[in-house]
């Protein structure tokens, strides 16, 4: 996984967490769900990149 991908995934994860927290603070269920979805999507991308890296090394 390249450094750019790591930074992008970390930024997306942080954005998702902040959106989820804002939704929780305001009681906006849609905003909270969008934040959770973005956070999970970033985690899945990161896991996929780690799997690709593992296959490239062997």
C-alpha atoms as a PDB file:
ATOM      1  CA  UNK A   1       0.000   0.000   0.000  1.00  0.00           C
ATOM      2  CA  UNK A   2       1.430   3.314  -1.034  1.00  0.00           C
ATOM      3  CA  UNK A   3       1.837   6.217   1.308  1.00  0.00           C
ATOM      4  CA  UNK A   4      -0.760   8.202  -0.633  1.00  0.00           C
ATOM      5  CA  UNK A   5      -3.319   5.416  -0.187  1.00  0.00           C
ATOM      6  CA  UNK A   6      -2.609   5.237   3.539  1.00  0.00           C
ATOM      7  CA  UNK A   7      -3.069   8.976   3.933  1.00  0.00           C
ATOM      8  CA  UNK A   8      -6.246   8.978   1.855  1.00  0.00           C
ATOM      9  CA  UNK A   9      -7.778   6.090   3.816  1.00  0.00           C
ATOM     10  CA  UNK A  10      -6.842   7.667   7.147  1.00  0.00           C
ATOM     11  CA  UNK A  11      -8.381  10.985   6.086  1.00  0.00           C
ATOM     12  CA  UNK A  12     -11.552   9.270   4.901  1.00  0.00           C
ATOM     13  CA  UNK A  13     -11.783   7.319   8.162  1.00  0.00           C
ATOM     14  CA  UNK A  14     -11.350  10.518  10.189  1.00  0.00           C
ATOM     15  CA  UNK A  15     -13.978  12.296   8.098  1.00  0.00           C
ATOM     16  CA  UNK A  16     -16.395   9.428   8.670  1.00  0.00           C
ATOM     17  CA  UNK A  17     -15.802   9.469  12.407  1.00  0.00           C
ATOM     18  CA  UNK A  18     -16.349  13.217  12.597  1.00  0.00           C
ATOM     19  CA  UNK A  19     -19.545  12.971  10.550  1.00  0.00           C
ATOM     20  CA  UNK A  20     -20.799  10.183  12.772  1.00  0.00           C
ATOM     21  CA  UNK A  21     -20.003  12.211  15.903  1.00  0.00           C
ATOM     22  CA  UNK A  22     -21.751  15.276  14.485  1.00  0.00           C
ATOM     23  CA  UNK A  23     -24.814  13.188  13.689  1.00  0.00           C
ATOM     24  CA  UNK A  24     -24.812  11.740  17.180  1.00  0.00           C
ATOM     25  CA  UNK A  25     -24.463  15.214  18.756  1.00  0.00           C
ATOM     26  CA  UNK A  26     -27.273  16.736  16.704  1.00  0.00           C
ATOM     27  CA  UNK A  27     -29.537  13.703  16.698  1.00  0.00           C
ATOM     28  CA  UNK A  28     -29.397  13.482  12.894  1.00  0.00           C
ATOM     29  CA  UNK A  29     -29.721   9.776  12.121  1.00  0.00           C
ATOM     30  CA  UNK A  30     -28.942  10.226   8.417  1.00  0.00           C
ATOM     31  CA  UNK A  31     -25.684  12.085   9.103  1.00  0.00           C
ATOM     32  CA  UNK A  32     -24.676   9.490  11.668  1.00  0.00           C
ATOM     33  CA  UNK A  33     -25.346   6.668   9.190  1.00  0.00           C
ATOM     34  CA  UNK A  34     -23.382   8.439   6.444  1.00  0.00           C
ATOM     35  CA  UNK A  35     -20.435   8.847   8.793  1.00  0.00           C
ATOM     36  CA  UNK A  36     -20.548   5.218   9.867  1.00  0.00           C
ATOM     37  CA  UNK A  37     -20.727   4.091   6.238  1.00  0.00           C
ATOM     38  CA  UNK A  38     -17.749   6.242   5.241  1.00  0.00           C
ATOM     39  CA  UNK A  39     -15.734   5.021   8.227  1.00  0.00           C
ATOM     40  CA  UNK A  40     -16.446   1.364   7.412  1.00  0.00           C
ATOM     41  CA  UNK A  41     -15.683   1.896   3.715  1.00  0.00           C
ATOM     42  CA  UNK A  42     -12.248   3.325   4.604  1.00  0.00           C
ATOM     43  CA  UNK A  43     -11.557   0.316   6.849  1.00  0.00           C
ATOM     44  CA  UNK A  44     -12.460  -2.079   4.034  1.00  0.00           C
ATOM     45  CA  UNK A  45     -10.258  -0.254   1.542  1.00  0.00           C
ATOM     46  CA  UNK A  46      -7.367  -0.414   3.965  1.00  0.00           C
ATOM     47  CA  UNK A  47      -7.898  -4.149   4.520  1.00  0.00           C
ATOM     48  CA  UNK A  48      -8.011  -4.736   0.760  1.00  0.00           C
ATOM     49  CA  UNK A  49      -4.747  -2.850   0.280  1.00  0.00           C
ATOM     50  CA  UNK A  50      -3.094  -4.913   3.024  1.00  0.00           C
ATOM     51  CA  UNK A  51      -4.213  -8.138   1.334  1.00  0.00           C
ATOM     52  CA  UNK A  52      -2.820  -6.968  -2.003  1.00  0.00           C
ATOM     53  CA  UNK A  53       0.483  -6.095  -0.321  1.00  0.00           C
ATOM     54  CA  UNK A  54       0.669  -9.514   1.309  1.00  0.00           C
ATOM     55  CA  UNK A  55       0.288 -11.242  -2.078  1.00  0.00           C
ATOM     56  CA  UNK A  56       2.867  -8.978  -3.703  1.00  0.00           C
ATOM     57  CA  UNK A  57       5.492  -9.856  -1.062  1.00  0.00           C
ATOM     58  CA  UNK A  58       5.165 -13.626  -1.573  1.00  0.00           C
END
